[in-house]
Full PDB file with SEQRES, HELIX, SHEET, SSBOND, CRYST1, ORIGX, SCALE, CONECT and MASTER records, all heavy atoms in Angstrom:
SEQRES   1 A   41  GLU ILE TYR LEU ASN VAL ALA GLU TRP GLY PRO ASN GLY          
SEQRES   2 A   41  GLU PHE GLY ALA GLU ALA GLY ALA GLN ARG ALA PHE ARG          
SEQRES   3 A   41  LYS SER MET ARG ASN LEU GLY ARG ASN GLU ALA ALA LEU          
SEQRES   4 A   41  MET ALA                                                      
HELIX    1 AA1 ILE A    2  VAL A    6  1                                   5    
HELIX    2 AA2 ALA A   17  PHE A   25  1                                   9    
HELIX    3 AA3 MET A   29  ASN A   31  5                                   3    
HELIX    4 AA4 ARG A   34  MET A   40  1                                   7    
CRYST1    1.000    1.000    1.000  90.00  90.00  90.00 P 1           1          
ORIGX1      1.000000  0.000000  0.000000        0.00000                         
ORIGX2      0.000000  1.000000  0.000000        0.00000                         
ORIGX3      0.000000  0.000000  1.000000        0.00000                         
SCALE1      1.000000  0.000000  0.000000        0.00000                         
SCALE2      0.000000  1.000000  0.000000        0.00000                         
SCALE3      0.000000  0.000000  1.000000        0.00000                         
ATOM      1  N   GLU A   1     -12.091   4.469  -2.530  1.00  0.00           N  
ATOM      2  CA  GLU A   1     -11.533   3.459  -3.430  1.00  0.00           C  
ATOM      3  C   GLU A   1     -10.557   4.103  -4.408  1.00  0.00           C  
ATOM      4  O   GLU A   1      -9.454   3.578  -4.649  1.00  0.00           O  
ATOM      5  CB  GLU A   1     -12.672   2.780  -4.185  1.00  0.00           C  
ATOM      6  CG  GLU A   1     -12.237   1.629  -5.083  1.00  0.00           C  
ATOM      7  CD  GLU A   1     -13.445   0.894  -5.643  1.00  0.00           C  
ATOM      8  OE1 GLU A   1     -14.167   1.488  -6.478  1.00  0.00           O  
ATOM      9  OE2 GLU A   1     -13.672  -0.257  -5.232  1.00  0.00           O  
ATOM     10  N   ILE A   2     -10.929   5.250  -4.966  1.00  0.00           N  
ATOM     11  CA  ILE A   2     -10.033   5.950  -5.887  1.00  0.00           C  
ATOM     12  C   ILE A   2      -8.787   6.408  -5.162  1.00  0.00           C  
ATOM     13  O   ILE A   2      -7.665   6.244  -5.665  1.00  0.00           O  
ATOM     14  CB  ILE A   2     -10.768   7.141  -6.539  1.00  0.00           C  
ATOM     15  CG1 ILE A   2     -11.817   6.626  -7.538  1.00  0.00           C  
ATOM     16  CG2 ILE A   2      -9.789   8.074  -7.231  1.00  0.00           C  
ATOM     17  CD1 ILE A   2     -12.661   7.717  -8.156  1.00  0.00           C  
ATOM     18  N   TYR A   3      -8.951   6.980  -3.981  1.00  0.00           N  
ATOM     19  CA  TYR A   3      -7.797   7.472  -3.232  1.00  0.00           C  
ATOM     20  C   TYR A   3      -6.801   6.351  -2.960  1.00  0.00           C  
ATOM     21  O   TYR A   3      -5.591   6.515  -3.163  1.00  0.00           O  
ATOM     22  CB  TYR A   3      -8.264   8.089  -1.918  1.00  0.00           C  
ATOM     23  CG  TYR A   3      -7.121   8.682  -1.104  1.00  0.00           C  
ATOM     24  CD1 TYR A   3      -6.412   9.778  -1.570  1.00  0.00           C  
ATOM     25  CD2 TYR A   3      -6.764   8.138   0.123  1.00  0.00           C  
ATOM     26  CE1 TYR A   3      -5.380  10.329  -0.840  1.00  0.00           C  
ATOM     27  CE2 TYR A   3      -5.727   8.681   0.871  1.00  0.00           C  
ATOM     28  CZ  TYR A   3      -5.043   9.772   0.383  1.00  0.00           C  
ATOM     29  OH  TYR A   3      -4.007  10.300   1.110  1.00  0.00           O  
ATOM     30  N   LEU A   4      -7.300   5.212  -2.516  1.00  0.00           N  
ATOM     31  CA  LEU A   4      -6.414   4.094  -2.200  1.00  0.00           C  
ATOM     32  C   LEU A   4      -5.705   3.566  -3.444  1.00  0.00           C  
ATOM     33  O   LEU A   4      -4.643   2.939  -3.321  1.00  0.00           O  
ATOM     34  CB  LEU A   4      -7.204   2.959  -1.548  1.00  0.00           C  
ATOM     35  CG  LEU A   4      -7.766   3.235  -0.149  1.00  0.00           C  
ATOM     36  CD1 LEU A   4      -8.539   2.010   0.362  1.00  0.00           C  
ATOM     37  CD2 LEU A   4      -6.673   3.614   0.841  1.00  0.00           C  
ATOM     38  N   ASN A   5      -6.258   3.822  -4.621  1.00  0.00           N  
ATOM     39  CA  ASN A   5      -5.662   3.286  -5.851  1.00  0.00           C  
ATOM     40  C   ASN A   5      -4.854   4.295  -6.657  1.00  0.00           C  
ATOM     41  O   ASN A   5      -4.238   3.912  -7.660  1.00  0.00           O  
ATOM     42  CB  ASN A   5      -6.762   2.692  -6.740  1.00  0.00           C  
ATOM     43  CG  ASN A   5      -7.202   1.313  -6.263  1.00  0.00           C  
ATOM     44  OD1 ASN A   5      -6.455   0.345  -6.338  1.00  0.00           O  
ATOM     45  ND2 ASN A   5      -8.428   1.224  -5.739  1.00  0.00           N  
ATOM     46  N   VAL A   6      -4.848   5.572  -6.252  1.00  0.00           N  
ATOM     47  CA  VAL A   6      -4.051   6.556  -7.000  1.00  0.00           C  
ATOM     48  C   VAL A   6      -3.016   7.276  -6.138  1.00  0.00           C  
ATOM     49  O   VAL A   6      -2.105   7.905  -6.668  1.00  0.00           O  
ATOM     50  CB  VAL A   6      -4.934   7.623  -7.704  1.00  0.00           C  
ATOM     51  CG1 VAL A   6      -5.899   6.973  -8.669  1.00  0.00           C  
ATOM     52  CG2 VAL A   6      -5.652   8.507  -6.706  1.00  0.00           C  
ATOM     53  N   ALA A   7      -3.154   7.207  -4.805  1.00  0.00           N  
ATOM     54  CA  ALA A   7      -2.184   7.896  -3.944  1.00  0.00           C  
ATOM     55  C   ALA A   7      -0.784   7.335  -4.173  1.00  0.00           C  
ATOM     56  O   ALA A   7      -0.609   6.135  -4.404  1.00  0.00           O  
ATOM     57  CB  ALA A   7      -2.587   7.747  -2.482  1.00  0.00           C  
ATOM     58  N   GLU A   8       0.193   8.207  -4.120  1.00  0.00           N  
ATOM     59  CA  GLU A   8       1.582   7.765  -4.268  1.00  0.00           C  
ATOM     60  C   GLU A   8       2.013   7.096  -2.973  1.00  0.00           C  
ATOM     61  O   GLU A   8       1.927   7.687  -1.901  1.00  0.00           O  
ATOM     62  CB  GLU A   8       2.487   8.949  -4.596  1.00  0.00           C  
ATOM     63  CG  GLU A   8       3.864   8.538  -5.065  1.00  0.00           C  
ATOM     64  CD  GLU A   8       4.677   9.698  -5.607  1.00  0.00           C  
ATOM     65  OE1 GLU A   8       4.190  10.851  -5.513  1.00  0.00           O  
ATOM     66  OE2 GLU A   8       5.782   9.458  -6.138  1.00  0.00           O  
ATOM     67  N   TRP A   9       2.530   5.841  -3.086  1.00  0.00           N  
ATOM     68  CA  TRP A   9       2.801   5.049  -1.892  1.00  0.00           C  
ATOM     69  C   TRP A   9       4.217   4.484  -1.890  1.00  0.00           C  
ATOM     70  O   TRP A   9       4.478   3.480  -1.229  1.00  0.00           O  
ATOM     71  CB  TRP A   9       1.783   3.915  -1.764  1.00  0.00           C  
ATOM     72  CG  TRP A   9       1.049   3.949  -0.453  1.00  0.00           C  
ATOM     73  CD1 TRP A   9       1.591   3.900   0.807  1.00  0.00           C  
ATOM     74  CD2 TRP A   9      -0.370   4.049  -0.252  1.00  0.00           C  
ATOM     75  NE1 TRP A   9       0.621   3.955   1.760  1.00  0.00           N  
ATOM     76  CE2 TRP A   9      -0.604   4.056   1.141  1.00  0.00           C  
ATOM     77  CE3 TRP A   9      -1.449   4.121  -1.128  1.00  0.00           C  
ATOM     78  CZ2 TRP A   9      -1.879   4.132   1.687  1.00  0.00           C  
ATOM     79  CZ3 TRP A   9      -2.708   4.190  -0.585  1.00  0.00           C  
ATOM     80  CH2 TRP A   9      -2.925   4.194   0.808  1.00  0.00           C  
ATOM     81  N   GLY A  10       5.099   5.128  -2.614  1.00  0.00           N  
ATOM     82  CA  GLY A  10       6.472   4.663  -2.643  1.00  0.00           C  
ATOM     83  C   GLY A  10       7.362   5.650  -3.358  1.00  0.00           C  
ATOM     84  O   GLY A  10       6.875   6.540  -4.061  1.00  0.00           O  
ATOM     85  N   PRO A  11       8.683   5.511  -3.232  1.00  0.00           N  
ATOM     86  CA  PRO A  11       9.614   6.483  -3.797  1.00  0.00           C  
ATOM     87  C   PRO A  11       9.963   6.262  -5.260  1.00  0.00           C  
ATOM     88  O   PRO A  11      10.646   7.075  -5.859  1.00  0.00           O  
ATOM     89  CB  PRO A  11      10.857   6.289  -2.921  1.00  0.00           C  
ATOM     90  CG  PRO A  11      10.818   4.833  -2.569  1.00  0.00           C  
ATOM     91  CD  PRO A  11       9.366   4.485  -2.412  1.00  0.00           C  
ATOM     92  N   ASN A  12       9.468   5.159  -5.839  1.00  0.00           N  
ATOM     93  CA  ASN A  12       9.912   4.815  -7.187  1.00  0.00           C  
ATOM     94  C   ASN A  12       8.732   4.460  -8.089  1.00  0.00           C  
ATOM     95  O   ASN A  12       8.713   3.429  -8.740  1.00  0.00           O  
ATOM     96  CB  ASN A  12      10.904   3.644  -7.142  1.00  0.00           C  
ATOM     97  CG  ASN A  12      11.577   3.411  -8.475  1.00  0.00           C  
ATOM     98  OD1 ASN A  12      11.772   4.331  -9.267  1.00  0.00           O  
ATOM     99  ND2 ASN A  12      11.929   2.155  -8.728  1.00  0.00           N  
ATOM    100  N   GLY A  13       7.728   5.333  -8.085  1.00  0.00           N  
ATOM    101  CA  GLY A  13       6.596   5.139  -8.980  1.00  0.00           C  
ATOM    102  C   GLY A  13       5.572   4.138  -8.495  1.00  0.00           C  
ATOM    103  O   GLY A  13       4.807   3.613  -9.312  1.00  0.00           O  
ATOM    104  N   GLU A  14       5.521   3.869  -7.187  1.00  0.00           N  
ATOM    105  CA  GLU A  14       4.489   2.977  -6.644  1.00  0.00           C  
ATOM    106  C   GLU A  14       3.232   3.802  -6.348  1.00  0.00           C  
ATOM    107  O   GLU A  14       3.236   4.655  -5.469  1.00  0.00           O  
ATOM    108  CB  GLU A  14       4.962   2.278  -5.366  1.00  0.00           C  
ATOM    109  CG  GLU A  14       6.084   1.278  -5.594  1.00  0.00           C  
ATOM    110  CD  GLU A  14       7.468   1.881  -5.499  1.00  0.00           C  
ATOM    111  OE1 GLU A  14       7.552   3.105  -5.231  1.00  0.00           O  
ATOM    112  OE2 GLU A  14       8.458   1.155  -5.690  1.00  0.00           O  
ATOM    113  N   PHE A  15       2.176   3.526  -7.083  1.00  0.00           N  
ATOM    114  CA  PHE A  15       0.912   4.230  -6.898  1.00  0.00           C  
ATOM    115  C   PHE A  15      -0.157   3.240  -6.454  1.00  0.00           C  
ATOM    116  O   PHE A  15      -0.273   2.148  -6.995  1.00  0.00           O  
ATOM    117  CB  PHE A  15       0.476   4.915  -8.191  1.00  0.00           C  
ATOM    118  CG  PHE A  15       1.348   6.085  -8.573  1.00  0.00           C  
ATOM    119  CD1 PHE A  15       2.470   5.894  -9.365  1.00  0.00           C  
ATOM    120  CD2 PHE A  15       1.056   7.364  -8.129  1.00  0.00           C  
ATOM    121  CE1 PHE A  15       3.271   6.958  -9.727  1.00  0.00           C  
ATOM    122  CE2 PHE A  15       1.854   8.438  -8.481  1.00  0.00           C  
ATOM    123  CZ  PHE A  15       2.975   8.243  -9.272  1.00  0.00           C  
ATOM    124  N   GLY A  16      -0.923   3.650  -5.467  1.00  0.00           N  
ATOM    125  CA  GLY A  16      -1.979   2.794  -4.951  1.00  0.00           C  
ATOM    126  C   GLY A  16      -1.491   1.904  -3.830  1.00  0.00           C  
ATOM    127  O   GLY A  16      -0.308   1.566  -3.721  1.00  0.00           O  
ATOM    128  N   ALA A  17      -2.436   1.521  -2.989  1.00  0.00           N  
ATOM    129  CA  ALA A  17      -2.099   0.725  -1.802  1.00  0.00           C  
ATOM    130  C   ALA A  17      -1.572  -0.657  -2.155  1.00  0.00           C  
ATOM    131  O   ALA A  17      -0.763  -1.219  -1.411  1.00  0.00           O  
ATOM    132  CB  ALA A  17      -3.324   0.599  -0.903  1.00  0.00           C  
ATOM    133  N   GLU A  18      -2.015  -1.218  -3.280  1.00  0.00           N  
ATOM    134  CA  GLU A  18      -1.540  -2.552  -3.656  1.00  0.00           C  
ATOM    135  C   GLU A  18      -0.036  -2.523  -3.936  1.00  0.00           C  
ATOM    136  O   GLU A  18       0.724  -3.356  -3.418  1.00  0.00           O  
ATOM    137  CB  GLU A  18      -2.301  -3.073  -4.873  1.00  0.00           C  
ATOM    138  CG  GLU A  18      -1.863  -4.448  -5.359  1.00  0.00           C  
ATOM    139  CD  GLU A  18      -2.168  -5.578  -4.388  1.00  0.00           C  
ATOM    140  OE1 GLU A  18      -2.962  -5.352  -3.439  1.00  0.00           O  
ATOM    141  OE2 GLU A  18      -1.617  -6.683  -4.568  1.00  0.00           O  
ATOM    142  N   ALA A  19       0.413  -1.557  -4.722  1.00  0.00           N  
ATOM    143  CA  ALA A  19       1.845  -1.436  -5.011  1.00  0.00           C  
ATOM    144  C   ALA A  19       2.618  -1.106  -3.746  1.00  0.00           C  
ATOM    145  O   ALA A  19       3.724  -1.611  -3.529  1.00  0.00           O  
ATOM    146  CB  ALA A  19       2.076  -0.368  -6.076  1.00  0.00           C  
ATOM    147  N   GLY A  20       2.034  -0.252  -2.886  1.00  0.00           N  
ATOM    148  CA  GLY A  20       2.710   0.096  -1.644  1.00  0.00           C  
ATOM    149  C   GLY A  20       2.845  -1.081  -0.700  1.00  0.00           C  
ATOM    150  O   GLY A  20       3.889  -1.274  -0.063  1.00  0.00           O  
ATOM    151  N   ALA A  21       1.786  -1.907  -0.613  1.00  0.00           N  
ATOM    152  CA  ALA A  21       1.833  -3.079   0.260  1.00  0.00           C  
ATOM    153  C   ALA A  21       2.818  -4.122  -0.262  1.00  0.00           C  
ATOM    154  O   ALA A  21       3.546  -4.748   0.513  1.00  0.00           O  
ATOM    155  CB  ALA A  21       0.437  -3.683   0.390  1.00  0.00           C  
ATOM    156  N   GLN A  22       2.841  -4.300  -1.575  1.00  0.00           N  
ATOM    157  CA  GLN A  22       3.782  -5.259  -2.151  1.00  0.00           C  
ATOM    158  C   GLN A  22       5.224  -4.817  -1.907  1.00  0.00           C  
ATOM    159  O   GLN A  22       6.097  -5.653  -1.604  1.00  0.00           O  
ATOM    160  CB  GLN A  22       3.527  -5.403  -3.661  1.00  0.00           C  
ATOM    161  CG  GLN A  22       2.208  -6.074  -4.024  1.00  0.00           C  
ATOM    162  CD  GLN A  22       2.193  -7.561  -3.724  1.00  0.00           C  
ATOM    163  OE1 GLN A  22       3.211  -8.150  -3.379  1.00  0.00           O  
ATOM    164  NE2 GLN A  22       1.037  -8.182  -3.864  1.00  0.00           N  
ATOM    165  N   ARG A  23       5.485  -3.519  -2.010  1.00  0.00           N  
ATOM    166  CA  ARG A  23       6.833  -3.024  -1.792  1.00  0.00           C  
ATOM    167  C   ARG A  23       7.251  -3.175  -0.332  1.00  0.00           C  
ATOM    168  O   ARG A  23       8.364  -3.588  -0.030  1.00  0.00           O  
ATOM    169  CB  ARG A  23       6.939  -1.549  -2.203  1.00  0.00           C  
ATOM    170  CG  ARG A  23       8.329  -0.966  -1.966  1.00  0.00           C  
ATOM    171  CD  ARG A  23       8.418   0.485  -2.343  1.00  0.00           C  
ATOM    172  NE  ARG A  23       9.789   0.970  -2.196  1.00  0.00           N  
ATOM    173  CZ  ARG A  23      10.303   1.404  -1.057  1.00  0.00           C  
ATOM    174  NH1 ARG A  23       9.556   1.422   0.046  1.00  0.00           N  
ATOM    175  NH2 ARG A  23      11.560   1.818  -0.999  1.00  0.00           N  
ATOM    176  N   ALA A  24       6.341  -2.826   0.585  1.00  0.00           N  
ATOM    177  CA  ALA A  24       6.696  -2.799   2.007  1.00  0.00           C  
ATOM    178  C   ALA A  24       6.651  -4.175   2.661  1.00  0.00           C  
ATOM    179  O   ALA A  24       7.524  -4.501   3.481  1.00  0.00           O  
ATOM    180  CB  ALA A  24       5.762  -1.843   2.750  1.00  0.00           C  
ATOM    181  N   PHE A  25       5.641  -4.984   2.306  1.00  0.00           N  
ATOM    182  CA  PHE A  25       5.406  -6.215   3.053  1.00  0.00           C  
ATOM    183  C   PHE A  25       5.387  -7.476   2.185  1.00  0.00           C  
ATOM    184  O   PHE A  25       5.168  -8.576   2.701  1.00  0.00           O  
ATOM    185  CB  PHE A  25       4.071  -6.107   3.818  1.00  0.00           C  
ATOM    186  CG  PHE A  25       3.958  -4.881   4.659  1.00  0.00           C  
ATOM    187  CD1 PHE A  25       3.042  -3.879   4.354  1.00  0.00           C  
ATOM    188  CD2 PHE A  25       4.785  -4.691   5.761  1.00  0.00           C  
ATOM    189  CE1 PHE A  25       2.940  -2.739   5.128  1.00  0.00           C  
ATOM    190  CE2 PHE A  25       4.691  -3.549   6.549  1.00  0.00           C  
ATOM    191  CZ  PHE A  25       3.770  -2.577   6.229  1.00  0.00           C  
ATOM    192  N   ARG A  26       5.567  -7.285   0.870  1.00  0.00           N  
ATOM    193  CA  ARG A  26       5.524  -8.428  -0.051  1.00  0.00           C  
ATOM    194  C   ARG A  26       4.210  -9.201   0.072  1.00  0.00           C  
ATOM    195  O   ARG A  26       4.170 -10.420   0.024  1.00  0.00           O  
ATOM    196  CB  ARG A  26       6.709  -9.371   0.194  1.00  0.00           C  
ATOM    197  CG  ARG A  26       8.063  -8.733  -0.039  1.00  0.00           C  
ATOM    198  CD  ARG A  26       8.255  -8.393  -1.511  1.00  0.00           C  
ATOM    199  NE  ARG A  26       9.582  -7.887  -1.784  1.00  0.00           N  
ATOM    200  CZ  ARG A  26       9.938  -6.606  -1.796  1.00  0.00           C  
ATOM    201  NH1 ARG A  26       9.024  -5.678  -1.523  1.00  0.00           N  
ATOM    202  NH2 ARG A  26      11.167  -6.229  -2.069  1.00  0.00           N  
ATOM    203  N   LYS A  27       3.139  -8.451   0.236  1.00  0.00           N  
ATOM    204  CA  LYS A  27       1.808  -9.075   0.293  1.00  0.00           C  
ATOM    205  C   LYS A  27       0.791  -8.105  -0.280  1.00  0.00           C  
ATOM    206  O   LYS A  27       1.061  -6.909  -0.427  1.00  0.00           O  
ATOM    207  CB  LYS A  27       1.438  -9.447   1.723  1.00  0.00           C  
ATOM    208  CG  LYS A  27       1.312  -8.250   2.674  1.00  0.00           C  
ATOM    209  CD  LYS A  27       0.648  -8.625   3.992  1.00  0.00           C  
ATOM    210  CE  LYS A  27       1.455  -9.602   4.807  1.00  0.00           C  
ATOM    211  NZ  LYS A  27       0.842  -9.830   6.138  1.00  0.00           N  
ATOM    212  N   SER A  28      -0.380  -8.632  -0.618  1.00  0.00           N  
ATOM    213  CA  SER A  28      -1.449  -7.809  -1.160  1.00  0.00           C  
ATOM    214  C   SER A  28      -2.055  -6.935  -0.071  1.00  0.00           C  
ATOM    215  O   SER A  28      -2.063  -7.291   1.114  1.00  0.00           O  
ATOM    216  CB  SER A  28      -2.528  -8.699  -1.778  1.00  0.00           C  
ATOM    217  OG  SER A  28      -3.659  -7.934  -2.158  1.00  0.00           O  
ATOM    218  N   MET A  29      -2.609  -5.795  -0.492  1.00  0.00           N  
ATOM    219  CA  MET A  29      -3.349  -4.948   0.441  1.00  0.00           C  
ATOM    220  C   MET A  29      -4.560  -5.679   1.011  1.00  0.00           C  
ATOM    221  O   MET A  29      -5.091  -5.283   2.050  1.00  0.00           O  
ATOM    222  CB  MET A  29      -3.804  -3.659  -0.245  1.00  0.00           C  
ATOM    223  CG  MET A  29      -4.773  -3.866  -1.405  1.00  0.00           C  
ATOM    224  SD  MET A  29      -5.282  -2.335  -2.234  1.00  0.00           S  
ATOM    225  CE  MET A  29      -6.523  -1.719  -1.087  1.00  0.00           C  
ATOM    226  N   ARG A  30      -4.979  -6.734   0.334  1.00  0.00           N  
ATOM    227  CA  ARG A  30      -6.110  -7.538   0.817  1.00  0.00           C  
ATOM    228  C   ARG A  30      -5.781  -8.228   2.143  1.00  0.00           C  
ATOM    229  O   ARG A  30      -6.689  -8.541   2.925  1.00  0.00           O  
ATOM    230  CB  ARG A  30      -6.488  -8.599  -0.214  1.00  0.00           C  
ATOM    231  CG  ARG A  30      -6.923  -8.073  -1.577  1.00  0.00           C  
ATOM    232  CD  ARG A  30      -7.044  -9.215  -2.570  1.00  0.00           C  
ATOM    233  NE  ARG A  30      -7.570  -8.825  -3.862  1.00  0.00           N  
ATOM    234  CZ  ARG A  30      -6.825  -8.357  -4.867  1.00  0.00           C  
ATOM    235  NH1 ARG A  30      -5.510  -8.219  -4.691  1.00  0.00           N  
ATOM    236  NH2 ARG A  30      -7.377  -8.035  -6.018  1.00  0.00           N  
ATOM    237  N   ASN A  31      -4.489  -8.474   2.376  1.00  0.00           N  
ATOM    238  CA  ASN A  31      -4.072  -9.295   3.516  1.00  0.00           C  
ATOM    239  C   ASN A  31      -3.330  -8.508   4.586  1.00  0.00           C  
ATOM    240  O   ASN A  31      -2.686  -9.090   5.450  1.00  0.00           O  
ATOM    241  CB  ASN A  31      -3.175 -10.436   3.022  1.00  0.00           C  
ATOM    242  CG  ASN A  31      -3.870 -11.291   1.967  1.00  0.00           C  
ATOM    243  OD1 ASN A  31      -5.044 -11.610   2.099  1.00  0.00           O  
ATOM    244  ND2 ASN A  31      -3.152 -11.642   0.913  1.00  0.00           N  
ATOM    245  N   LEU A  32      -3.406  -7.190   4.544  1.00  0.00           N  
ATOM    246  CA  LEU A  32      -2.709  -6.378   5.530  1.00  0.00           C  
ATOM    247  C   LEU A  32      -3.317  -6.543   6.911  1.00  0.00           C  
ATOM    248  O   LEU A  32      -4.542  -6.556   7.081  1.00  0.00           O  
ATOM    249  CB  LEU A  32      -2.755  -4.901   5.137  1.00  0.00           C  
ATOM    250  CG  LEU A  32      -1.963  -4.474   3.902  1.00  0.00           C  
ATOM    251  CD1 LEU A  32      -2.214  -2.999   3.615  1.00  0.00           C  
ATOM    252  CD2 LEU A  32      -0.474  -4.749   4.082  1.00  0.00           C  
ATOM    253  N   GLY A  33      -2.450  -6.653   7.907  1.00  0.00           N  
ATOM    254  CA  GLY A  33      -2.905  -6.636   9.289  1.00  0.00           C  
ATOM    255  C   GLY A  33      -3.095  -5.210   9.765  1.00  0.00           C  
ATOM    256  O   GLY A  33      -2.740  -4.243   9.085  1.00  0.00           O  
ATOM    257  N   ARG A  34      -3.619  -5.053  10.956  1.00  0.00           N  
ATOM    258  CA  ARG A  34      -3.911  -3.726  11.492  1.00  0.00           C  
ATOM    259  C   ARG A  34      -2.651  -2.875  11.620  1.00  0.00           C  
ATOM    260  O   ARG A  34      -2.643  -1.697  11.235  1.00  0.00           O  
ATOM    261  CB  ARG A  34      -4.605  -3.871  12.844  1.00  0.00           C  
ATOM    262  CG  ARG A  34      -5.001  -2.564  13.503  1.00  0.00           C  
ATOM    263  CD  ARG A  34      -5.863  -2.827  14.708  1.00  0.00           C  
ATOM    264  NE  ARG A  34      -6.117  -1.610  15.469  1.00  0.00           N  
ATOM    265  CZ  ARG A  34      -6.910  -1.547  16.519  1.00  0.00           C  
ATOM    266  NH1 ARG A  34      -7.524  -2.644  16.952  1.00  0.00           N  
ATOM    267  NH2 ARG A  34      -7.092  -0.415  17.160  1.00  0.00           N  
ATOM    268  N   ASN A  35      -1.577  -3.441  12.131  1.00  0.00           N  
ATOM    269  CA  ASN A  35      -0.337  -2.677  12.297  1.00  0.00           C  
ATOM    270  C   ASN A  35       0.291  -2.326  10.948  1.00  0.00           C  
ATOM    271  O   ASN A  35       0.846  -1.245  10.771  1.00  0.00           O  
ATOM    272  CB  ASN A  35       0.660  -3.464  13.154  1.00  0.00           C  
ATOM    273  CG  ASN A  35       0.208  -3.603  14.598  1.00  0.00           C  
ATOM    274  OD1 ASN A  35      -0.572  -2.778  15.082  1.00  0.00           O  
ATOM    275  ND2 ASN A  35       0.682  -4.630  15.277  1.00  0.00           N  
ATOM    276  N   GLU A  36       0.198  -3.245   9.991  1.00  0.00           N  
ATOM    277  CA  GLU A  36       0.726  -2.972   8.657  1.00  0.00           C  
ATOM    278  C   GLU A  36      -0.070  -1.854   7.975  1.00  0.00           C  
ATOM    279  O   GLU A  36       0.510  -0.969   7.328  1.00  0.00           O  
ATOM    280  CB  GLU A  36       0.706  -4.243   7.818  1.00  0.00           C  
ATOM    281  CG  GLU A  36       1.665  -5.315   8.310  1.00  0.00           C  
ATOM    282  CD  GLU A  36       1.412  -6.677   7.694  1.00  0.00           C  
ATOM    283  OE1 GLU A  36       0.250  -6.956   7.317  1.00  0.00           O  
ATOM    284  OE2 GLU A  36       2.376  -7.460   7.588  1.00  0.00           O  
ATOM    285  N   ALA A  37      -1.393  -1.894   8.120  1.00  0.00           N  
ATOM    286  CA  ALA A  37      -2.225  -0.829   7.551  1.00  0.00           C  
ATOM    287  C   ALA A  37      -1.888   0.515   8.168  1.00  0.00           C  
ATOM    288  O   ALA A  37      -1.860   1.543   7.484  1.00  0.00           O  
ATOM    289  CB  ALA A  37      -3.702  -1.158   7.761  1.00  0.00           C  
ATOM    290  N   ALA A  38      -1.620   0.521   9.479  1.00  0.00           N  
ATOM    291  CA  ALA A  38      -1.265   1.759  10.154  1.00  0.00           C  
ATOM    292  C   ALA A  38       0.075   2.302   9.658  1.00  0.00           C  
ATOM    293  O   ALA A  38       0.240   3.519   9.497  1.00  0.00           O  
ATOM    294  CB  ALA A  38      -1.230   1.539  11.668  1.00  0.00           C  
ATOM    295  N   LEU A  39       1.034   1.420   9.402  1.00  0.00           N  
ATOM    296  CA  LEU A  39       2.313   1.859   8.849  1.00  0.00           C  
ATOM    297  C   LEU A  39       2.114   2.431   7.444  1.00  0.00           C  
ATOM    298  O   LEU A  39       2.749   3.433   7.073  1.00  0.00           O  
ATOM    299  CB  LEU A  39       3.300   0.692   8.798  1.00  0.00           C  
ATOM    300  CG  LEU A  39       3.922   0.273  10.134  1.00  0.00           C  
ATOM    301  CD1 LEU A  39       4.694  -1.033   9.980  1.00  0.00           C  
ATOM    302  CD2 LEU A  39       4.857   1.374  10.655  1.00  0.00           C  
ATOM    303  N   MET A  40       1.233   1.818   6.663  1.00  0.00           N  
ATOM    304  CA  MET A  40       0.936   2.335   5.335  1.00  0.00           C  
ATOM    305  C   MET A  40       0.365   3.746   5.423  1.00  0.00           C  
ATOM    306  O   MET A  40       0.741   4.643   4.671  1.00  0.00           O  
ATOM    307  CB  MET A  40      -0.052   1.419   4.622  1.00  0.00           C  
ATOM    308  CG  MET A  40       0.480   0.049   4.264  1.00  0.00           C  
ATOM    309  SD  MET A  40       1.361   0.021   2.689  1.00  0.00           S  
ATOM    310  CE  MET A  40      -0.002   0.271   1.549  1.00  0.00           C  
ATOM    311  N   ALA A  41      -0.554   3.955   6.375  1.00  0.00           N  
ATOM    312  CA  ALA A  41      -1.167   5.272   6.529  1.00  0.00           C  
ATOM    313  C   ALA A  41      -0.151   6.299   7.006  1.00  0.00           C  
ATOM    314  O   ALA A  41      -0.228   7.475   6.629  1.00  0.00           O  
ATOM    315  CB  ALA A  41      -2.342   5.182   7.507  1.00  0.00           C  
TER     316      ALA A  41                                                      
MASTER        0    0    0    4    0    0    0    6  315    1    0    4          
END                                                                             
């Protein structure tokens, strides 16, 4: 849980999977599909 919320997930100060998902897919990490989660990883 900590890792998913502190890892750097973008080039402009996006930290955590929520910020990364919003930047990449314009959706919450709660709603990521399998392929989207794999791209995040």
